[in-house]
Amino acid sequence: MENIIQEKLRITLTPLSLEIVDESHKHAGHAGARPGGNTHFHIRIVSEAFTPLSRVERHRLVHDVLKEELETTIHALSLNLKSPKEDQ
């Protein structure tokens, strides 16, 4: 799942920095958690694509890119989305 997320985000956002952490183990026993993980992710992206966008628009963009995965496999995303100027 991490490879799919990475590939889709790299193609769409051309990030300067991309970090994906599977945090599924922290949610064992909670809603949406499944054996084997791949359900809860923390994603940090720095991309020029975020420069003109509001915080809500950035989140919508990432959710649109990962729409299929959110409908089938991913239960939750924690997102840290910044433009290059905000990452200094």
N, C-alpha and C. Protein backbone atom coordinates (compact mmCIF):
# COMPACT_ATOMS: atom_id res chain seq x y z
N MET A 1 0.82 -1.19 0.00
CA MET A 1 0.00 0.00 0.00
C MET A 1 0.87 1.26 0.00
N GLU A 2 1.96 1.24 0.76
CA GLU A 2 2.83 2.42 0.80
C GLU A 2 3.38 2.75 -0.59
N ASN A 3 3.73 1.73 -1.35
CA ASN A 3 4.24 1.95 -2.71
C ASN A 3 3.19 2.57 -3.62
N ILE A 4 1.95 2.12 -3.49
CA ILE A 4 0.85 2.68 -4.30
C ILE A 4 0.64 4.14 -3.93
N ILE A 5 0.60 4.44 -2.64
CA ILE A 5 0.43 5.82 -2.17
C ILE A 5 1.56 6.68 -2.71
N GLN A 6 2.78 6.20 -2.54
CA GLN A 6 3.95 6.96 -2.99
C GLN A 6 3.91 7.24 -4.49
N GLU A 7 3.61 6.23 -5.27
CA GLU A 7 3.58 6.40 -6.72
C GLU A 7 2.51 7.42 -7.15
N LYS A 8 1.32 7.30 -6.60
CA LYS A 8 0.24 8.22 -6.98
C LYS A 8 0.55 9.66 -6.58
N LEU A 9 1.09 9.84 -5.39
CA LEU A 9 1.40 11.19 -4.93
C LEU A 9 2.58 11.78 -5.69
N ARG A 10 3.58 10.99 -6.01
CA ARG A 10 4.73 11.49 -6.77
C ARG A 10 4.31 11.93 -8.18
N ILE A 11 3.48 11.13 -8.82
CA ILE A 11 3.03 11.46 -10.17
C ILE A 11 2.20 12.74 -10.17
N THR A 12 1.31 12.87 -9.21
CA THR A 12 0.37 14.01 -9.19
C THR A 12 0.97 15.29 -8.63
N LEU A 13 1.77 15.18 -7.57
CA LEU A 13 2.22 16.37 -6.84
C LEU A 13 3.68 16.73 -7.03
N THR A 14 4.47 15.87 -7.64
CA THR A 14 5.90 16.09 -7.80
C THR A 14 6.51 16.68 -6.52
N PRO A 15 6.42 15.94 -5.42
CA PRO A 15 6.87 16.50 -4.14
C PRO A 15 8.37 16.68 -4.04
N LEU A 16 8.76 17.71 -3.30
CA LEU A 16 10.17 17.91 -2.96
C LEU A 16 10.55 16.96 -1.82
N SER A 17 9.55 16.63 -1.00
CA SER A 17 9.73 15.72 0.11
C SER A 17 8.44 14.93 0.30
N LEU A 18 8.57 13.63 0.54
CA LEU A 18 7.41 12.78 0.76
C LEU A 18 7.77 11.71 1.78
N GLU A 19 7.03 11.68 2.89
CA GLU A 19 7.23 10.69 3.93
C GLU A 19 5.89 10.00 4.18
N ILE A 20 5.91 8.68 4.19
CA ILE A 20 4.71 7.90 4.43
C ILE A 20 5.01 6.92 5.56
N VAL A 21 4.20 6.98 6.61
CA VAL A 21 4.40 6.10 7.76
C VAL A 21 3.10 5.33 8.01
N ASP A 22 3.22 4.00 8.01
CA ASP A 22 2.07 3.15 8.34
C ASP A 22 1.93 3.14 9.86
N GLU A 23 0.86 3.76 10.36
CA GLU A 23 0.60 3.83 11.79
C GLU A 23 -0.51 2.88 12.21
N SER A 24 -0.79 1.89 11.39
CA SER A 24 -1.89 0.96 11.65
C SER A 24 -1.74 0.25 12.99
N HIS A 25 -0.51 -0.06 13.38
CA HIS A 25 -0.28 -0.76 14.65
C HIS A 25 -0.79 0.04 15.85
N LYS A 26 -0.84 1.35 15.73
CA LYS A 26 -1.33 2.21 16.81
C LYS A 26 -2.84 2.13 16.97
N HIS A 27 -3.52 1.57 15.97
CA HIS A 27 -4.98 1.57 15.95
C HIS A 27 -5.57 0.16 16.04
N ALA A 28 -4.75 -0.79 16.40
CA ALA A 28 -5.23 -2.18 16.54
C ALA A 28 -6.42 -2.22 17.49
N GLY A 29 -7.48 -2.86 17.07
CA GLY A 29 -8.68 -2.96 17.89
C GLY A 29 -9.65 -1.82 17.71
N HIS A 30 -9.27 -0.80 17.00
CA HIS A 30 -10.14 0.35 16.76
C HIS A 30 -10.89 0.18 15.43
N ALA A 31 -11.85 1.03 15.21
CA ALA A 31 -12.63 0.99 13.97
C ALA A 31 -11.72 1.12 12.76
N GLY A 32 -11.97 0.30 11.77
CA GLY A 32 -11.22 0.38 10.52
C GLY A 32 -9.91 -0.38 10.52
N ALA A 33 -9.44 -0.79 11.67
CA ALA A 33 -8.17 -1.53 11.74
C ALA A 33 -8.40 -2.97 11.28
N ARG A 34 -7.44 -3.47 10.51
CA ARG A 34 -7.50 -4.85 10.03
C ARG A 34 -6.16 -5.53 10.29
N PRO A 35 -6.19 -6.84 10.48
CA PRO A 35 -4.92 -7.56 10.62
C PRO A 35 -4.03 -7.30 9.41
N GLY A 36 -2.76 -7.08 9.64
CA GLY A 36 -1.84 -6.84 8.53
C GLY A 36 -1.60 -5.37 8.25
N GLY A 37 -2.36 -4.49 8.89
CA GLY A 37 -2.13 -3.06 8.73
C GLY A 37 -2.62 -2.48 7.42
N ASN A 38 -1.90 -1.48 6.94
CA ASN A 38 -2.25 -0.78 5.70
C ASN A 38 -3.59 -0.07 5.78
N THR A 39 -3.96 0.39 6.97
CA THR A 39 -5.24 1.07 7.12
C THR A 39 -5.12 2.51 7.61
N HIS A 40 -4.09 2.81 8.36
CA HIS A 40 -3.90 4.14 8.95
C HIS A 40 -2.50 4.64 8.59
N PHE A 41 -2.45 5.82 7.94
CA PHE A 41 -1.17 6.36 7.49
C PHE A 41 -1.00 7.81 7.89
N HIS A 42 0.25 8.16 8.21
CA HIS A 42 0.64 9.56 8.36
C HIS A 42 1.46 9.90 7.11
N ILE A 43 1.07 10.97 6.44
CA ILE A 43 1.76 11.38 5.22
C ILE A 43 2.19 12.83 5.36
N ARG A 44 3.47 13.06 5.10
CA ARG A 44 4.02 14.42 5.10
C ARG A 44 4.52 14.71 3.70
N ILE A 45 4.02 15.82 3.11
CA ILE A 45 4.41 16.19 1.75
C ILE A 45 4.79 17.66 1.71
N VAL A 46 5.89 17.95 1.03
CA VAL A 46 6.24 19.32 0.69
C VAL A 46 6.20 19.38 -0.83
N SER A 47 5.34 20.26 -1.35
CA SER A 47 5.17 20.35 -2.80
C SER A 47 4.80 21.77 -3.21
N GLU A 48 5.35 22.17 -4.32
CA GLU A 48 5.01 23.48 -4.90
C GLU A 48 3.53 23.51 -5.27
N ALA A 49 2.94 22.36 -5.54
CA ALA A 49 1.53 22.29 -5.91
C ALA A 49 0.62 22.84 -4.81
N PHE A 50 1.10 22.87 -3.57
CA PHE A 50 0.29 23.37 -2.46
C PHE A 50 0.34 24.88 -2.30
N THR A 51 1.25 25.55 -2.97
CA THR A 51 1.46 26.98 -2.77
C THR A 51 0.17 27.80 -2.91
N PRO A 52 -0.61 27.62 -3.97
CA PRO A 52 -1.80 28.47 -4.10
C PRO A 52 -3.03 27.95 -3.35
N LEU A 53 -2.90 26.82 -2.67
CA LEU A 53 -4.08 26.18 -2.09
C LEU A 53 -4.22 26.42 -0.59
N SER A 54 -5.47 26.48 -0.15
CA SER A 54 -5.74 26.56 1.29
C SER A 54 -5.51 25.19 1.92
N ARG A 55 -5.54 25.14 3.22
CA ARG A 55 -5.34 23.87 3.93
C ARG A 55 -6.40 22.85 3.52
N VAL A 56 -7.64 23.28 3.45
CA VAL A 56 -8.74 22.38 3.06
C VAL A 56 -8.56 21.90 1.63
N GLU A 57 -8.18 22.79 0.73
CA GLU A 57 -7.97 22.41 -0.67
C GLU A 57 -6.83 21.39 -0.81
N ARG A 58 -5.80 21.54 -0.01
CA ARG A 58 -4.68 20.60 -0.03
C ARG A 58 -5.15 19.20 0.40
N HIS A 59 -5.92 19.16 1.46
CA HIS A 59 -6.43 17.88 1.94
C HIS A 59 -7.35 17.24 0.90
N ARG A 60 -8.21 18.04 0.30
CA ARG A 60 -9.10 17.52 -0.75
C ARG A 60 -8.31 16.95 -1.92
N LEU A 61 -7.24 17.63 -2.30
CA LEU A 61 -6.41 17.18 -3.41
C LEU A 61 -5.82 15.80 -3.11
N VAL A 62 -5.24 15.63 -1.93
CA VAL A 62 -4.65 14.35 -1.56
C VAL A 62 -5.73 13.27 -1.47
N HIS A 63 -6.87 13.61 -0.91
CA HIS A 63 -7.97 12.64 -0.83
C HIS A 63 -8.46 12.25 -2.22
N ASP A 64 -8.48 13.19 -3.14
CA ASP A 64 -8.87 12.88 -4.53
C ASP A 64 -7.87 11.94 -5.19
N VAL A 65 -6.59 12.18 -4.97
CA VAL A 65 -5.55 11.33 -5.54
C VAL A 65 -5.66 9.90 -5.01
N LEU A 66 -6.01 9.77 -3.73
CA LEU A 66 -6.08 8.45 -3.10
C LEU A 66 -7.51 7.96 -2.93
N LYS A 67 -8.41 8.47 -3.73
CA LYS A 67 -9.83 8.15 -3.63
C LYS A 67 -10.11 6.65 -3.62
N GLU A 68 -9.56 5.93 -4.56
CA GLU A 68 -9.80 4.49 -4.67
C GLU A 68 -9.33 3.76 -3.41
N GLU A 69 -8.16 4.11 -2.92
CA GLU A 69 -7.61 3.46 -1.73
C GLU A 69 -8.43 3.80 -0.49
N LEU A 70 -8.92 5.03 -0.40
CA LEU A 70 -9.75 5.42 0.73
C LEU A 70 -11.10 4.71 0.72
N GLU A 71 -11.56 4.36 -0.46
CA GLU A 71 -12.84 3.65 -0.56
C GLU A 71 -12.69 2.15 -0.30
N THR A 72 -11.48 1.63 -0.40
CA THR A 72 -11.31 0.18 -0.30
C THR A 72 -10.40 -0.28 0.84
N THR A 73 -9.29 0.38 1.05
CA THR A 73 -8.26 -0.14 1.96
C THR A 73 -7.93 0.80 3.11
N ILE A 74 -7.66 2.05 2.79
CA ILE A 74 -7.23 3.01 3.81
C ILE A 74 -8.44 3.48 4.62
N HIS A 75 -8.28 3.42 5.94
CA HIS A 75 -9.35 3.89 6.83
C HIS A 75 -9.13 5.34 7.25
N ALA A 76 -7.86 5.72 7.47
CA ALA A 76 -7.59 7.06 7.98
C ALA A 76 -6.24 7.58 7.50
N LEU A 77 -6.21 8.89 7.25
CA LEU A 77 -4.97 9.57 6.89
C LEU A 77 -4.75 10.73 7.86
N SER A 78 -3.53 10.87 8.30
CA SER A 78 -3.08 12.05 9.02
C SER A 78 -2.16 12.77 8.05
N LEU A 79 -2.50 14.02 7.71
CA LEU A 79 -1.77 14.72 6.65
C LEU A 79 -1.07 15.96 7.17
N ASN A 80 0.18 16.12 6.76
CA ASN A 80 0.97 17.32 7.00
C ASN A 80 1.41 17.79 5.62
N LEU A 81 0.76 18.84 5.10
CA LEU A 81 0.94 19.27 3.72
C LEU A 81 1.44 20.69 3.68
N LYS A 82 2.63 20.90 3.11
CA LYS A 82 3.25 22.22 3.12
C LYS A 82 3.79 22.60 1.74
N SER A 83 3.83 23.90 1.51
CA SER A 83 4.52 24.42 0.35
C SER A 83 6.00 24.54 0.73
N PRO A 84 6.89 24.69 -0.24
CA PRO A 84 8.32 24.82 0.11
C PRO A 84 8.61 26.00 1.04
N LYS A 85 7.93 27.11 0.86
CA LYS A 85 8.17 28.28 1.73
C LYS A 85 7.75 28.00 3.17
N GLU A 86 6.71 27.21 3.35
CA GLU A 86 6.23 26.89 4.70
C GLU A 86 7.11 25.88 5.40
N ASP A 87 7.95 25.18 4.66
CA ASP A 87 8.78 24.12 5.22
C ASP A 87 10.13 24.62 5.71
N GLN A 88 10.37 25.90 5.65
CA GLN A 88 11.67 26.45 6.03
C GLN A 88 11.82 26.56 7.52
